[in-house]
């Protein structure tokens, strides 16, 4: 089963929606206005066109890393630390969760483009 999940994740994903939550837990996904793209490779690495590091001074930092299907984590190396981001793959949609970067719920939904 693990190989099936890995094969489903490998490829290029484009941001389609973001979860907008006013802080009361009743947030809904809304159409994204950003051009975020993530590409997952079969060797367990990933590349993206935006940084996943908070307040990185160098905009090239945080645009590459690794992922693990076993623990559903994206690992992005930042200036002085590593960002560990949870993800879920459900019915052809990739949902990335940023629990440490937001006070309220913070999620992004991606669709596979190739």
C-alpha atoms as a PDB file:
ATOM      1  CA  UNK A   1       0.000   0.000   0.000  1.00  0.00           C
ATOM      2  CA  UNK A   2       2.849   2.370   0.731  1.00  0.00           C
ATOM      3  CA  UNK A   3       4.103   2.191  -2.877  1.00  0.00           C
ATOM      4  CA  UNK A   4       0.646   3.097  -4.159  1.00  0.00           C
ATOM      5  CA  UNK A   5       0.580   6.229  -1.979  1.00  0.00           C
ATOM      6  CA  UNK A   6       4.103   7.192  -3.053  1.00  0.00           C
ATOM      7  CA  UNK A   7       3.170   6.815  -6.731  1.00  0.00           C
ATOM      8  CA  UNK A   8       0.051   8.936  -6.189  1.00  0.00           C
ATOM      9  CA  UNK A   9       2.095  11.756  -4.627  1.00  0.00           C
ATOM     10  CA  UNK A  10       4.936  11.859  -7.187  1.00  0.00           C
ATOM     11  CA  UNK A  11       4.359  14.637  -9.713  1.00  0.00           C
ATOM     12  CA  UNK A  12       3.541  18.334  -9.815  1.00  0.00           C
ATOM     13  CA  UNK A  13       0.802  19.868  -7.691  1.00  0.00           C
ATOM     14  CA  UNK A  14      -0.710  23.358  -7.947  1.00  0.00           C
ATOM     15  CA  UNK A  15      -2.389  25.259  -5.120  1.00  0.00           C
ATOM     16  CA  UNK A  16      -6.128  25.468  -5.733  1.00  0.00           C
ATOM     17  CA  UNK A  17      -7.655  26.524  -2.391  1.00  0.00           C
ATOM     18  CA  UNK A  18      -6.673  27.805   1.052  1.00  0.00           C
ATOM     19  CA  UNK A  19      -8.571  27.331   4.292  1.00  0.00           C
ATOM     20  CA  UNK A  20      -9.783  30.657   5.599  1.00  0.00           C
ATOM     21  CA  UNK A  21     -10.684  30.509   9.283  1.00  0.00           C
ATOM     22  CA  UNK A  22     -11.726  33.598  11.253  1.00  0.00           C
ATOM     23  CA  UNK A  23     -10.484  31.918  14.431  1.00  0.00           C
ATOM     24  CA  UNK A  24     -13.673  30.160  15.471  1.00  0.00           C
ATOM     25  CA  UNK A  25     -12.989  26.797  13.783  1.00  0.00           C
ATOM     26  CA  UNK A  26     -15.696  27.310  11.150  1.00  0.00           C
ATOM     27  CA  UNK A  27     -13.356  28.123   8.294  1.00  0.00           C
ATOM     28  CA  UNK A  28     -13.942  27.013   4.724  1.00  0.00           C
ATOM     29  CA  UNK A  29     -11.700  26.481   1.722  1.00  0.00           C
ATOM     30  CA  UNK A  30     -11.612  29.461  -0.639  1.00  0.00           C
ATOM     31  CA  UNK A  31     -10.109  29.784  -4.120  1.00  0.00           C
ATOM     32  CA  UNK A  32      -6.369  30.528  -3.927  1.00  0.00           C
ATOM     33  CA  UNK A  33      -4.892  33.667  -5.440  1.00  0.00           C
ATOM     34  CA  UNK A  34      -1.266  32.466  -5.284  1.00  0.00           C
ATOM     35  CA  UNK A  35       0.705  30.481  -7.849  1.00  0.00           C
ATOM     36  CA  UNK A  36       2.227  27.882  -5.507  1.00  0.00           C
ATOM     37  CA  UNK A  37       3.522  24.720  -7.131  1.00  0.00           C
ATOM     38  CA  UNK A  38       5.165  21.695  -5.482  1.00  0.00           C
ATOM     39  CA  UNK A  39       6.881  18.866  -7.348  1.00  0.00           C
ATOM     40  CA  UNK A  40       7.458  15.552  -5.582  1.00  0.00           C
ATOM     41  CA  UNK A  41      10.117  13.221  -6.978  1.00  0.00           C
ATOM     42  CA  UNK A  42      10.264   9.426  -6.625  1.00  0.00           C
ATOM     43  CA  UNK A  43      13.551   9.680  -4.671  1.00  0.00           C
ATOM     44  CA  UNK A  44      11.786  11.350  -1.705  1.00  0.00           C
ATOM     45  CA  UNK A  45      12.788  14.932  -2.530  1.00  0.00           C
ATOM     46  CA  UNK A  46      10.615  17.905  -3.399  1.00  0.00           C
ATOM     47  CA  UNK A  47      10.934  21.355  -4.954  1.00  0.00           C
ATOM     48  CA  UNK A  48       8.587  24.306  -4.783  1.00  0.00           C
ATOM     49  CA  UNK A  49       8.410  27.804  -6.226  1.00  0.00           C
ATOM     50  CA  UNK A  50       7.856  29.500  -2.848  1.00  0.00           C
ATOM     51  CA  UNK A  51       9.670  29.356   0.468  1.00  0.00           C
ATOM     52  CA  UNK A  52       8.138  27.341   3.291  1.00  0.00           C
ATOM     53  CA  UNK A  53      10.334  29.039   5.897  1.00  0.00           C
ATOM     54  CA  UNK A  54       9.016  31.761   8.153  1.00  0.00           C
ATOM     55  CA  UNK A  55      10.833  35.053   7.769  1.00  0.00           C
ATOM     56  CA  UNK A  56      13.727  33.676   5.682  1.00  0.00           C
ATOM     57  CA  UNK A  57      16.016  36.487   4.549  1.00  0.00           C
ATOM     58  CA  UNK A  58      17.210  34.528   1.527  1.00  0.00           C
ATOM     59  CA  UNK A  59      14.231  33.766  -0.730  1.00  0.00           C
ATOM     60  CA  UNK A  60      15.975  30.688  -2.165  1.00  0.00           C
ATOM     61  CA  UNK A  61      15.914  29.009   1.259  1.00  0.00           C
ATOM     62  CA  UNK A  62      12.937  26.777   1.938  1.00  0.00           C
ATOM     63  CA  UNK A  63      12.225  25.873  -1.684  1.00  0.00           C
ATOM     64  CA  UNK A  64      13.522  22.301  -1.536  1.00  0.00           C
ATOM     65  CA  UNK A  65      13.429  19.442   0.920  1.00  0.00           C
ATOM     66  CA  UNK A  66      12.289  15.897   1.412  1.00  0.00           C
ATOM     67  CA  UNK A  67       9.070  14.103   2.213  1.00  0.00           C
ATOM     68  CA  UNK A  68       8.073  10.944   3.986  1.00  0.00           C
ATOM     69  CA  UNK A  69       4.960   8.927   3.235  1.00  0.00           C
ATOM     70  CA  UNK A  70       5.498   6.872   6.406  1.00  0.00           C
ATOM     71  CA  UNK A  71       4.957   9.818   8.748  1.00  0.00           C
ATOM     72  CA  UNK A  72       3.171  12.156   6.270  1.00  0.00           C
ATOM     73  CA  UNK A  73       5.695  14.983   6.695  1.00  0.00           C
ATOM     74  CA  UNK A  74       7.339  17.499   4.403  1.00  0.00           C
ATOM     75  CA  UNK A  75      10.777  18.481   5.693  1.00  0.00           C
ATOM     76  CA  UNK A  76      12.034  21.823   4.444  1.00  0.00           C
ATOM     77  CA  UNK A  77      15.447  23.106   5.544  1.00  0.00           C
ATOM     78  CA  UNK A  78      15.327  26.732   6.666  1.00  0.00           C
ATOM     79  CA  UNK A  79      17.989  29.262   7.796  1.00  0.00           C
ATOM     80  CA  UNK A  80      18.573  27.807  11.241  1.00  0.00           C
ATOM     81  CA  UNK A  81      16.024  25.031  11.541  1.00  0.00           C
ATOM     82  CA  UNK A  82      13.870  22.568   9.678  1.00  0.00           C
ATOM     83  CA  UNK A  83      10.190  23.052   8.950  1.00  0.00           C
ATOM     84  CA  UNK A  84       8.140  19.851   9.420  1.00  0.00           C
ATOM     85  CA  UNK A  85       4.765  20.160   7.742  1.00  0.00           C
ATOM     86  CA  UNK A  86       1.946  17.590   7.889  1.00  0.00           C
ATOM     87  CA  UNK A  87       0.185  16.535   4.706  1.00  0.00           C
ATOM     88  CA  UNK A  88      -2.675  14.266   3.647  1.00  0.00           C
ATOM     89  CA  UNK A  89      -3.476  12.761   0.286  1.00  0.00           C
ATOM     90  CA  UNK A  90      -7.231  12.254  -0.188  1.00  0.00           C
ATOM     91  CA  UNK A  91      -9.045  11.375  -3.420  1.00  0.00           C
ATOM     92  CA  UNK A  92      -6.553  13.092  -5.711  1.00  0.00           C
ATOM     93  CA  UNK A  93      -6.186  16.159  -3.510  1.00  0.00           C
ATOM     94  CA  UNK A  94      -3.145  17.054  -1.463  1.00  0.00           C
ATOM     95  CA  UNK A  95      -3.817  18.978   1.744  1.00  0.00           C
ATOM     96  CA  UNK A  96      -0.915  20.624   3.546  1.00  0.00           C
ATOM     97  CA  UNK A  97      -1.345  21.738   7.168  1.00  0.00           C
ATOM     98  CA  UNK A  98       0.696  24.495   8.832  1.00  0.00           C
ATOM     99  CA  UNK A  99      -0.062  24.029  12.549  1.00  0.00           C
ATOM    100  CA  UNK A 100       3.000  25.947  13.746  1.00  0.00           C
ATOM    101  CA  UNK A 101       2.653  28.931  11.420  1.00  0.00           C
ATOM    102  CA  UNK A 102      -0.890  30.066  12.233  1.00  0.00           C
ATOM    103  CA  UNK A 103      -2.928  30.714  15.332  1.00  0.00           C
ATOM    104  CA  UNK A 104      -6.098  29.539  13.578  1.00  0.00           C
ATOM    105  CA  UNK A 105      -6.331  26.550  11.259  1.00  0.00           C
ATOM    106  CA  UNK A 106      -4.064  26.982   8.246  1.00  0.00           C
ATOM    107  CA  UNK A 107      -4.363  24.545   5.312  1.00  0.00           C
ATOM    108  CA  UNK A 108      -3.664  24.528   1.600  1.00  0.00           C
ATOM    109  CA  UNK A 109      -5.343  22.261  -0.958  1.00  0.00           C
ATOM    110  CA  UNK A 110      -3.457  21.255  -4.113  1.00  0.00           C
ATOM    111  CA  UNK A 111      -4.531  19.485  -7.295  1.00  0.00           C
ATOM    112  CA  UNK A 112      -2.206  17.356  -9.412  1.00  0.00           C
ATOM    113  CA  UNK A 113      -1.331  18.971 -12.733  1.00  0.00           C
ATOM    114  CA  UNK A 114       1.196  16.390 -14.047  1.00  0.00           C
END
